[in-house]
Amino acid sequence: MQPDTALSLIDVGVDYVTCTAPRDDQGERLNEVALSLMQEQQGLGYDSRLWKGQGYHGKAAGGVQVGLRYDGYIVRLSSTAAASHYRQVLTHARNVSRIDLQITAYDSSHLADRAHIAYYLVDDAPRRGGRPPSASLRINNHGGQTLYVGSRQSDVYGRFYDKGIESKAAPAGWFWRQEIEAKRKVARTLATDLLTEQSPADRIARTVVAFFAARGIPGPPHGSCRDALNLVADRAADLGGRSDHQRRLRWLQTAVAPSVRKMVNCGGREAVLSALGLGGQ
């Protein structure tokens, strides 16, 4: 399948990983790495909170979750934490039950209906066992589209969505993400390959593009220009996510500041400062 030349690759990486290790020296090392990453997340402004799931109990901060149960440790990384630190946790993991790989592209055509069009491309894709690959489309009434490809219960599941809208960083159609969610044996194989590959980003890009191409959906040209992001840097400065501290500042700026300015303009500056506990400062 020919690549879509309107798409320029701007990001490649691991977006999510879940791994475990038994309660032995290996598990202790995995736990130590995770706790160190959690402290790093707190230093970036994320709050620490209690976390539990699948019988594990532990803590989480930002994109890091770590838990303990009777038989071992679990660590989950997501978003930028997964992209930056997946190798550190995979090195000490005994088992990898899930790993998500993603490629993100800038769309020079600004095609807001790209996922909708891809939905029909899947229907026209070569049949497997006499049936087309399964797909479902979600269209958000506030903008943005997401195409789900395959069964969520299968070993590999795909998502194709408007990343600019999802991250509130750009108008509809500017950035598109193709992402696969691999589980069980496929996840373990990919994790092993990423640890041994000399160019893991290249392996990730090839794996994601191949998954969608096999289902009739073209991806960006391999090795396409990363400089495309500079064209819209002011509209997409944060394609990842905001820390808790950043979200609070954003909330203060958009939800609180307008009301405070009105009260101050009405001559209530001292009353406002007193109500906020800032009187005399």
C-alpha atoms as a PDB file:
ATOM      1  CA  MET A   1       0.000   0.000   0.000  1.00  0.00           C
ATOM      2  CA  GLN A   2       1.242   3.469  -0.910  1.00  0.00           C
ATOM      3  CA  PRO A   3       1.793   5.852   2.058  1.00  0.00           C
ATOM      4  CA  ASP A   4      -0.221   9.044   2.406  1.00  0.00           C
ATOM      5  CA  THR A   5       2.134  11.887   1.489  1.00  0.00           C
ATOM      6  CA  ALA A   6      -0.074  14.458   3.260  1.00  0.00           C
ATOM      7  CA  LEU A   7       1.041  12.897   6.554  1.00  0.00           C
ATOM      8  CA  SER A   8       4.435  13.749   8.069  1.00  0.00           C
ATOM      9  CA  LEU A   9       5.700  11.656  10.945  1.00  0.00           C
ATOM     10  CA  ILE A  10       6.406  13.771  14.031  1.00  0.00           C
ATOM     11  CA  ASP A  11       6.432  11.302  16.913  1.00  0.00           C
ATOM     12  CA  VAL A  12       7.025   7.575  17.455  1.00  0.00           C
ATOM     13  CA  GLY A  13       7.011   5.767  20.758  1.00  0.00           C
ATOM     14  CA  VAL A  14       5.596   3.556  23.471  1.00  0.00           C
ATOM     15  CA  ASP A  15       2.391   5.034  24.887  1.00  0.00           C
ATOM     16  CA  TYR A  16       1.501   2.486  27.576  1.00  0.00           C
ATOM     17  CA  VAL A  17       3.015  -0.556  29.234  1.00  0.00           C
ATOM     18  CA  THR A  18       1.928  -2.966  31.979  1.00  0.00           C
ATOM     19  CA  CYS A  19       4.493  -5.363  33.416  1.00  0.00           C
ATOM     20  CA  THR A  20       4.916  -7.548  36.488  1.00  0.00           C
ATOM     21  CA  ALA A  21       7.605  -9.364  38.458  1.00  0.00           C
ATOM     22  CA  PRO A  22       7.468 -11.811  41.394  1.00  0.00           C
ATOM     23  CA  ARG A  23       8.333 -10.926  44.978  1.00  0.00           C
ATOM     24  CA  ASP A  24      12.029 -11.654  44.646  1.00  0.00           C
ATOM     25  CA  ASP A  25      15.159  -9.674  43.798  1.00  0.00           C
ATOM     26  CA  GLN A  26      13.875  -8.995  40.293  1.00  0.00           C
ATOM     27  CA  GLY A  27      10.583  -7.669  41.639  1.00  0.00           C
ATOM     28  CA  GLU A  28      12.371  -5.486  44.151  1.00  0.00           C
ATOM     29  CA  ARG A  29      14.442  -3.913  41.385  1.00  0.00           C
ATOM     30  CA  LEU A  30      11.315  -3.274  39.313  1.00  0.00           C
ATOM     31  CA  ASN A  31       9.651  -1.687  42.330  1.00  0.00           C
ATOM     32  CA  GLU A  32      12.672   0.533  43.040  1.00  0.00           C
ATOM     33  CA  VAL A  33      12.745   1.779  39.455  1.00  0.00           C
ATOM     34  CA  ALA A  34       9.012   2.523  39.542  1.00  0.00           C
ATOM     35  CA  LEU A  35       9.214   4.410  42.828  1.00  0.00           C
ATOM     36  CA  SER A  36      12.074   6.494  41.450  1.00  0.00           C
ATOM     37  CA  LEU A  37      10.002   7.327  38.365  1.00  0.00           C
ATOM     38  CA  MET A  38       7.073   8.250  40.596  1.00  0.00           C
ATOM     39  CA  GLN A  39       9.239  10.715  42.497  1.00  0.00           C
ATOM     40  CA  GLU A  40      10.270  12.196  39.175  1.00  0.00           C
ATOM     41  CA  GLN A  41       6.600  12.640  38.245  1.00  0.00           C
ATOM     42  CA  GLN A  42       5.943  14.420  41.540  1.00  0.00           C
ATOM     43  CA  GLY A  43       8.862  16.711  40.810  1.00  0.00           C
ATOM     44  CA  LEU A  44       7.123  17.600  37.534  1.00  0.00           C
ATOM     45  CA  GLY A  45       4.037  18.719  39.453  1.00  0.00           C
ATOM     46  CA  TYR A  46       1.890  15.571  39.543  1.00  0.00           C
ATOM     47  CA  ASP A  47       0.116  14.622  42.777  1.00  0.00           C
ATOM     48  CA  SER A  48       0.731  11.275  44.479  1.00  0.00           C
ATOM     49  CA  ARG A  49      -2.430   9.254  45.099  1.00  0.00           C
ATOM     50  CA  LEU A  50      -3.454   5.809  46.292  1.00  0.00           C
ATOM     51  CA  TRP A  51      -4.064   3.250  43.563  1.00  0.00           C
ATOM     52  CA  LYS A  52      -5.417  -0.305  43.380  1.00  0.00           C
ATOM     53  CA  GLY A  53      -6.399  -2.752  40.669  1.00  0.00           C
ATOM     54  CA  GLN A  54      -6.411  -6.495  39.911  1.00  0.00           C
ATOM     55  CA  GLY A  55      -5.730  -7.225  43.575  1.00  0.00           C
ATOM     56  CA  TYR A  56      -2.696  -4.916  43.673  1.00  0.00           C
ATOM     57  CA  HIS A  57      -2.487  -1.983  46.081  1.00  0.00           C
ATOM     58  CA  GLY A  58      -0.046   0.878  45.729  1.00  0.00           C
ATOM     59  CA  LYS A  59       0.432   4.447  44.582  1.00  0.00           C
ATOM     60  CA  ALA A  60       0.350   6.501  41.415  1.00  0.00           C
ATOM     61  CA  ALA A  61       1.622   9.858  40.235  1.00  0.00           C
ATOM     62  CA  GLY A  62       1.222  11.244  36.748  1.00  0.00           C
ATOM     63  CA  GLY A  63       1.831   8.446  34.259  1.00  0.00           C
ATOM     64  CA  VAL A  64       3.303   5.980  36.786  1.00  0.00           C
ATOM     65  CA  GLN A  65       1.403   3.348  38.793  1.00  0.00           C
ATOM     66  CA  VAL A  66       3.036   0.775  41.041  1.00  0.00           C
ATOM     67  CA  GLY A  67       1.352  -1.863  43.210  1.00  0.00           C
ATOM     68  CA  LEU A  68       2.006  -4.954  45.320  1.00  0.00           C
ATOM     69  CA  ARG A  69      -0.010  -8.092  46.018  1.00  0.00           C
ATOM     70  CA  TYR A  70       0.763 -11.483  47.531  1.00  0.00           C
ATOM     71  CA  ASP A  71       2.567 -12.820  44.444  1.00  0.00           C
ATOM     72  CA  GLY A  72       4.489  -9.826  43.160  1.00  0.00           C
ATOM     73  CA  TYR A  73       4.691  -6.274  41.831  1.00  0.00           C
ATOM     74  CA  ILE A  74       2.943  -4.501  38.985  1.00  0.00           C
ATOM     75  CA  VAL A  75       4.057  -1.343  37.173  1.00  0.00           C
ATOM     76  CA  ARG A  76       2.106   0.657  34.633  1.00  0.00           C
ATOM     77  CA  LEU A  77       3.466   3.553  32.621  1.00  0.00           C
ATOM     78  CA  SER A  78       1.403   5.777  30.337  1.00  0.00           C
ATOM     79  CA  SER A  79       1.832   8.755  28.013  1.00  0.00           C
ATOM     80  CA  THR A  80       5.161  10.607  28.316  1.00  0.00           C
ATOM     81  CA  ALA A  81       6.284   8.429  31.237  1.00  0.00           C
ATOM     82  CA  ALA A  82       5.949   5.342  29.037  1.00  0.00           C
ATOM     83  CA  ALA A  83       7.662   7.030  26.093  1.00  0.00           C
ATOM     84  CA  SER A  84      10.651   8.103  28.177  1.00  0.00           C
ATOM     85  CA  HIS A  85      11.094   5.200  30.604  1.00  0.00           C
ATOM     86  CA  TYR A  86       9.662   1.988  29.126  1.00  0.00           C
ATOM     87  CA  ARG A  87      13.118   0.448  28.749  1.00  0.00           C
ATOM     88  CA  GLN A  88      13.867   0.906  32.454  1.00  0.00           C
ATOM     89  CA  VAL A  89      10.848  -1.099  33.574  1.00  0.00           C
ATOM     90  CA  LEU A  90      10.945  -3.694  30.786  1.00  0.00           C
ATOM     91  CA  THR A  91      14.541  -4.500  31.743  1.00  0.00           C
ATOM     92  CA  HIS A  92      13.394  -5.727  35.180  1.00  0.00           C
ATOM     93  CA  ALA A  93       9.997  -7.196  34.242  1.00  0.00           C
ATOM     94  CA  ARG A  94       9.298 -10.938  34.300  1.00  0.00           C
ATOM     95  CA  ASN A  95       6.126 -10.587  32.230  1.00  0.00           C
ATOM     96  CA  VAL A  96       4.671  -7.884  29.973  1.00  0.00           C
ATOM     97  CA  SER A  97       0.897  -8.165  29.649  1.00  0.00           C
ATOM     98  CA  ARG A  98       0.259  -5.063  27.547  1.00  0.00           C
ATOM     99  CA  ILE A  99       2.209  -2.559  25.493  1.00  0.00           C
ATOM    100  CA  ASP A 100       0.825   0.224  23.276  1.00  0.00           C
ATOM    101  CA  LEU A 101       2.828   1.587  20.345  1.00  0.00           C
ATOM    102  CA  GLN A 102       1.996   4.831  18.545  1.00  0.00           C
ATOM    103  CA  ILE A 103       2.951   7.026  15.624  1.00  0.00           C
ATOM    104  CA  THR A 104       1.696  10.603  15.345  1.00  0.00           C
ATOM    105  CA  ALA A 105       1.615  12.569  12.106  1.00  0.00           C
ATOM    106  CA  TYR A 106       1.014  16.157  11.050  1.00  0.00           C
ATOM    107  CA  ASP A 107      -1.627  16.328   8.303  1.00  0.00           C
ATOM    108  CA  SER A 108      -0.830  19.059   5.777  1.00  0.00           C
ATOM    109  CA  SER A 109      -4.288  18.600   4.215  1.00  0.00           C
ATOM    110  CA  HIS A 110      -6.022  19.311   7.581  1.00  0.00           C
ATOM    111  CA  LEU A 111      -8.512  16.582   6.690  1.00  0.00           C
ATOM    112  CA  ALA A 112     -10.912  16.543   9.648  1.00  0.00           C
ATOM    113  CA  ASP A 113     -12.796  13.472   8.322  1.00  0.00           C
ATOM    114  CA  ARG A 114      -9.737  11.256   7.949  1.00  0.00           C
ATOM    115  CA  ALA A 115     -10.916   8.648  10.490  1.00  0.00           C
ATOM    116  CA  HIS A 116     -14.371   8.596   8.898  1.00  0.00           C
ATOM    117  CA  ILE A 117     -12.815   7.942   5.483  1.00  0.00           C
ATOM    118  CA  ALA A 118     -10.587   5.247   6.997  1.00  0.00           C
ATOM    119  CA  TYR A 119     -13.719   3.499   8.304  1.00  0.00           C
ATOM    120  CA  TYR A 120     -14.812   2.851   4.704  1.00  0.00           C
ATOM    121  CA  LEU A 121     -11.292   1.905   3.659  1.00  0.00           C
ATOM    122  CA  VAL A 122     -11.362  -0.878   6.251  1.00  0.00           C
ATOM    123  CA  ASP A 123     -14.581  -2.204   4.742  1.00  0.00           C
ATOM    124  CA  ASP A 124     -12.860  -2.396   1.347  1.00  0.00           C
ATOM    125  CA  ALA A 125      -9.718  -4.047   2.727  1.00  0.00           C
ATOM    126  CA  PRO A 126      -8.831  -7.642   1.761  1.00  0.00           C
ATOM    127  CA  ARG A 127     -11.030 -10.181   3.522  1.00  0.00           C
ATOM    128  CA  ARG A 128      -9.682 -12.494   6.177  1.00  0.00           C
ATOM    129  CA  GLY A 129     -11.603 -15.723   6.276  1.00  0.00           C
ATOM    130  CA  GLY A 130     -14.270 -14.174   4.047  1.00  0.00           C
ATOM    131  CA  ARG A 131     -14.962 -11.238   6.357  1.00  0.00           C
ATOM    132  CA  PRO A 132     -13.621  -7.674   6.421  1.00  0.00           C
ATOM    133  CA  PRO A 133     -11.682  -6.535   9.502  1.00  0.00           C
ATOM    134  CA  SER A 134     -14.042  -5.272  12.187  1.00  0.00           C
ATOM    135  CA  ALA A 135     -14.162  -1.514  12.776  1.00  0.00           C
ATOM    136  CA  SER A 136     -16.245   1.033  14.647  1.00  0.00           C
ATOM    137  CA  LEU A 137     -16.252   4.811  14.379  1.00  0.00           C
ATOM    138  CA  ARG A 138     -16.903   7.390  17.086  1.00  0.00           C
ATOM    139  CA  ILE A 139     -17.589  10.985  16.102  1.00  0.00           C
ATOM    140  CA  ASN A 140     -17.504  13.573  18.881  1.00  0.00           C
ATOM    141  CA  ASN A 141     -20.035  16.397  18.581  1.00  0.00           C
ATOM    142  CA  HIS A 142     -17.357  18.770  19.905  1.00  0.00           C
ATOM    143  CA  GLY A 143     -14.998  17.795  17.091  1.00  0.00           C
ATOM    144  CA  GLY A 144     -12.622  14.908  16.593  1.00  0.00           C
ATOM    145  CA  GLN A 145     -13.019  11.342  15.370  1.00  0.00           C
ATOM    146  CA  THR A 146     -11.789   7.960  16.582  1.00  0.00           C
ATOM    147  CA  LEU A 147     -11.708   4.739  14.592  1.00  0.00           C
ATOM    148  CA  TYR A 148     -11.370   1.439  16.472  1.00  0.00           C
ATOM    149  CA  VAL A 149      -9.998  -1.451  14.426  1.00  0.00           C
ATOM    150  CA  GLY A 150     -10.319  -5.074  15.495  1.00  0.00           C
ATOM    151  CA  SER A 151     -11.663  -6.647  18.669  1.00  0.00           C
ATOM    152  CA  ARG A 152     -10.691  -5.294  22.090  1.00  0.00           C
ATOM    153  CA  GLN A 153     -10.376  -8.899  23.280  1.00  0.00           C
ATOM    154  CA  SER A 154      -7.855  -9.826  20.571  1.00  0.00           C
ATOM    155  CA  ASP A 155      -4.082  -9.800  21.021  1.00  0.00           C
ATOM    156  CA  VAL A 156      -3.748  -6.658  18.871  1.00  0.00           C
ATOM    157  CA  TYR A 157      -6.257  -3.801  18.711  1.00  0.00           C
ATOM    158  CA  GLY A 158      -5.978  -0.531  16.804  1.00  0.00           C
ATOM    159  CA  ARG A 159      -7.022   3.074  17.375  1.00  0.00           C
ATOM    160  CA  PHE A 160      -6.829   5.890  14.830  1.00  0.00           C
ATOM    161  CA  TYR A 161      -7.811   9.301  16.168  1.00  0.00           C
ATOM    162  CA  ASP A 162      -7.442  13.064  15.994  1.00  0.00           C
ATOM    163  CA  LYS A 163      -4.623  13.685  18.479  1.00  0.00           C
ATOM    164  CA  GLY A 164      -4.859  17.467  18.221  1.00  0.00           C
ATOM    165  CA  ILE A 165      -8.483  17.433  19.383  1.00  0.00           C
ATOM    166  CA  GLU A 166      -7.885  14.715  22.007  1.00  0.00           C
ATOM    167  CA  SER A 167      -5.054  16.708  23.612  1.00  0.00           C
ATOM    168  CA  LYS A 168      -6.795  20.083  23.055  1.00  0.00           C
ATOM    169  CA  ALA A 169      -3.646  21.260  21.294  1.00  0.00           C
ATOM    170  CA  ALA A 170      -4.763  21.895  17.707  1.00  0.00           C
ATOM    171  CA  PRO A 171      -7.814  22.275  15.438  1.00  0.00           C
ATOM    172  CA  ALA A 172      -9.515  19.216  13.943  1.00  0.00           C
ATOM    173  CA  GLY A 173      -7.536  17.420  11.270  1.00  0.00           C
ATOM    174  CA  TRP A 174      -4.070  18.758  12.084  1.00  0.00           C
ATOM    175  CA  PHE A 175      -2.599  15.789  13.957  1.00  0.00           C
ATOM    176  CA  TRP A 176      -3.495  12.096  13.654  1.00  0.00           C
ATOM    177  CA  ARG A 177      -2.361   9.196  15.786  1.00  0.00           C
ATOM    178  CA  GLN A 178      -2.260   5.530  14.795  1.00  0.00           C
ATOM    179  CA  GLU A 179      -1.912   3.325  17.846  1.00  0.00           C
ATOM    180  CA  ILE A 180      -1.926  -0.404  18.520  1.00  0.00           C
ATOM    181  CA  GLU A 181      -2.649  -2.088  21.840  1.00  0.00           C
ATOM    182  CA  ALA A 182      -0.813  -5.410  22.085  1.00  0.00           C
ATOM    183  CA  LYS A 183      -1.518  -7.974  24.799  1.00  0.00           C
ATOM    184  CA  ARG A 184      -0.362 -11.370  26.014  1.00  0.00           C
ATOM    185  CA  LYS A 185       2.136 -13.196  23.752  1.00  0.00           C
ATOM    186  CA  VAL A 186       2.275 -10.362  21.199  1.00  0.00           C
ATOM    187  CA  ALA A 187       3.060  -7.861  23.967  1.00  0.00           C
ATOM    188  CA  ARG A 188       5.865 -10.044  25.311  1.00  0.00           C
ATOM    189  CA  THR A 189       7.368 -10.473  21.841  1.00  0.00           C
ATOM    190  CA  LEU A 190       7.264  -6.745  21.097  1.00  0.00           C
ATOM    191  CA  ALA A 191       8.783  -5.896  24.485  1.00  0.00           C
ATOM    192  CA  THR A 192      11.673  -8.287  23.884  1.00  0.00           C
ATOM    193  CA  ASP A 193      12.223  -6.883  20.399  1.00  0.00           C
ATOM    194  CA  LEU A 194      12.260  -3.273  21.631  1.00  0.00           C
ATOM    195  CA  LEU A 195      14.928  -4.102  24.206  1.00  0.00           C
ATOM    196  CA  THR A 196      17.169  -5.764  21.634  1.00  0.00           C
ATOM    197  CA  GLU A 197      16.551  -3.545  18.591  1.00  0.00           C
ATOM    198  CA  GLN A 198      19.281  -1.056  17.752  1.00  0.00           C
ATOM    199  CA  SER A 199      16.587   1.312  16.456  1.00  0.00           C
ATOM    200  CA  PRO A 200      13.408   0.727  18.512  1.00  0.00           C
ATOM    201  CA  ALA A 201      11.677   3.795  17.027  1.00  0.00           C
ATOM    202  CA  ASP A 202      12.077   2.299  13.561  1.00  0.00           C
ATOM    203  CA  ARG A 203      10.606  -1.007  14.765  1.00  0.00           C
ATOM    204  CA  ILE A 204       7.665   0.801  16.359  1.00  0.00           C
ATOM    205  CA  ALA A 205       6.926   2.790  13.196  1.00  0.00           C
ATOM    206  CA  ARG A 206       7.128  -0.283  10.966  1.00  0.00           C
ATOM    207  CA  THR A 207       4.895  -2.327  13.297  1.00  0.00           C
ATOM    208  CA  VAL A 208       2.163   0.303  13.584  1.00  0.00           C
ATOM    209  CA  VAL A 209       2.151   1.224   9.892  1.00  0.00           C
ATOM    210  CA  ALA A 210       2.002  -2.478   8.909  1.00  0.00           C
ATOM    211  CA  PHE A 211      -0.984  -3.157  11.192  1.00  0.00           C
ATOM    212  CA  PHE A 212      -3.101  -0.371   9.688  1.00  0.00           C
ATOM    213  CA  ALA A 213      -1.893  -0.919   6.114  1.00  0.00           C
ATOM    214  CA  ALA A 214      -3.016  -4.559   6.313  1.00  0.00           C
ATOM    215  CA  ARG A 215      -6.466  -3.207   7.115  1.00  0.00           C
ATOM    216  CA  GLY A 216      -6.594  -0.738   4.268  1.00  0.00           C
ATOM    217  CA  ILE A 217      -5.462   2.411   6.117  1.00  0.00           C
ATOM    218  CA  PRO A 218      -2.315   4.158   4.799  1.00  0.00           C
ATOM    219  CA  GLY A 219       0.184   5.780   7.145  1.00  0.00           C
ATOM    220  CA  PRO A 220       2.846   8.479   6.728  1.00  0.00           C
ATOM    221  CA  PRO A 221       5.894   7.843   4.535  1.00  0.00           C
ATOM    222  CA  HIS A 222       8.582   6.100   6.531  1.00  0.00           C
ATOM    223  CA  GLY A 223      11.169   8.567   7.782  1.00  0.00           C
ATOM    224  CA  SER A 224       9.078  11.577   6.763  1.00  0.00           C
ATOM    225  CA  CYS A 225      10.152  15.034   7.862  1.00  0.00           C
ATOM    226  CA  ARG A 226       9.844  15.823  11.572  1.00  0.00           C
ATOM    227  CA  ASP A 227      10.170  19.563  10.870  1.00  0.00           C
ATOM    228  CA  ALA A 228       6.441  19.698  10.057  1.00  0.00           C
ATOM    229  CA  LEU A 229       5.748  20.201  13.755  1.00  0.00           C
ATOM    230  CA  ASN A 230       7.554  23.538  13.654  1.00  0.00           C
ATOM    231  CA  LEU A 231       4.887  24.885  11.306  1.00  0.00           C
ATOM    232  CA  VAL A 232       2.306  24.711  14.066  1.00  0.00           C
ATOM    233  CA  ALA A 233       4.420  24.726  17.224  1.00  0.00           C
ATOM    234  CA  ASP A 234       2.459  27.590  18.736  1.00  0.00           C
ATOM    235  CA  ARG A 235      -0.792  25.598  18.423  1.00  0.00           C
ATOM    236  CA  ALA A 236       0.600  22.245  19.568  1.00  0.00           C
ATOM    237  CA  ALA A 237       3.184  22.990  22.237  1.00  0.00           C
ATOM    238  CA  ASP A 238       1.813  20.151  24.380  1.00  0.00           C
ATOM    239  CA  LEU A 239       0.854  16.981  22.545  1.00  0.00           C
ATOM    240  CA  GLY A 240       1.348  14.907  25.674  1.00  0.00           C
ATOM    241  CA  GLY A 241      -0.529  16.126  28.715  1.00  0.00           C
ATOM    242  CA  ARG A 242      -0.512  18.661  31.492  1.00  0.00           C
ATOM    243  CA  SER A 243       0.625  17.958  35.031  1.00  0.00           C
ATOM    244  CA  ASP A 244      -1.761  18.460  37.938  1.00  0.00           C
ATOM    245  CA  HIS A 245       0.018  21.728  38.725  1.00  0.00           C
ATOM    246  CA  GLN A 246      -0.364  22.923  35.129  1.00  0.00           C
ATOM    247  CA  ARG A 247      -4.044  21.981  35.078  1.00  0.00           C
ATOM    248  CA  ARG A 248      -4.646  23.959  38.281  1.00  0.00           C
ATOM    249  CA  LEU A 249      -2.935  27.001  36.778  1.00  0.00           C
ATOM    250  CA  ARG A 250      -5.034  26.603  33.632  1.00  0.00           C
ATOM    251  CA  TRP A 251      -8.206  26.361  35.746  1.00  0.00           C
ATOM    252  CA  LEU A 252      -7.243  29.489  37.683  1.00  0.00           C
ATOM    253  CA  GLN A 253      -6.580  31.336  34.454  1.00  0.00           C
ATOM    254  CA  THR A 254      -9.798  30.365  32.660  1.00  0.00           C
ATOM    255  CA  ALA A 255     -12.370  29.808  35.418  1.00  0.00           C
ATOM    256  CA  VAL A 256     -11.285  31.920  38.387  1.00  0.00           C
ATOM    257  CA  ALA A 257      -9.353  34.892  37.005  1.00  0.00           C
ATOM    258  CA  PRO A 258     -12.300  36.501  35.120  1.00  0.00           C
ATOM    259  CA  SER A 259     -14.461  36.620  38.275  1.00  0.00           C
ATOM    260  CA  VAL A 260     -11.588  37.901  40.389  1.00  0.00           C
ATOM    261  CA  ARG A 261     -10.874  40.702  37.897  1.00  0.00           C
ATOM    262  CA  LYS A 262     -14.516  41.785  37.994  1.00  0.00           C
ATOM    263  CA  MET A 263     -14.481  41.944  41.782  1.00  0.00           C
ATOM    264  CA  VAL A 264     -11.196  43.863  41.840  1.00  0.00           C
ATOM    265  CA  ASN A 265     -12.498  46.331  39.248  1.00  0.00           C
ATOM    266  CA  CYS A 266     -15.502  46.968  41.461  1.00  0.00           C
ATOM    267  CA  GLY A 267     -13.196  48.116  44.230  1.00  0.00           C
ATOM    268  CA  GLY A 268     -13.019  44.875  46.187  1.00  0.00           C
ATOM    269  CA  ARG A 269      -9.329  44.077  45.884  1.00  0.00           C
ATOM    270  CA  GLU A 270      -8.665  43.919  49.631  1.00  0.00           C
ATOM    271  CA  ALA A 271     -11.804  41.835  50.212  1.00  0.00           C
ATOM    272  CA  VAL A 272     -10.762  39.383  47.505  1.00  0.00           C
ATOM    273  CA  LEU A 273      -7.251  39.018  48.919  1.00  0.00           C
ATOM    274  CA  SER A 274      -8.683  38.521  52.411  1.00  0.00           C
ATOM    275  CA  ALA A 275     -11.105  35.829  51.169  1.00  0.00           C
ATOM    276  CA  LEU A 276      -8.196  34.030  49.536  1.00  0.00           C
ATOM    277  CA  GLY A 277      -6.165  34.206  52.718  1.00  0.00           C
ATOM    278  CA  LEU A 278      -3.717  36.592  51.081  1.00  0.00           C
ATOM    279  CA  GLY A 279      -4.545  39.729  53.009  1.00  0.00           C
ATOM    280  CA  GLY A 280      -1.539  41.882  53.843  1.00  0.00           C
ATOM    281  CA  GLN A 281       0.602  40.359  51.099  1.00  0.00           C
END
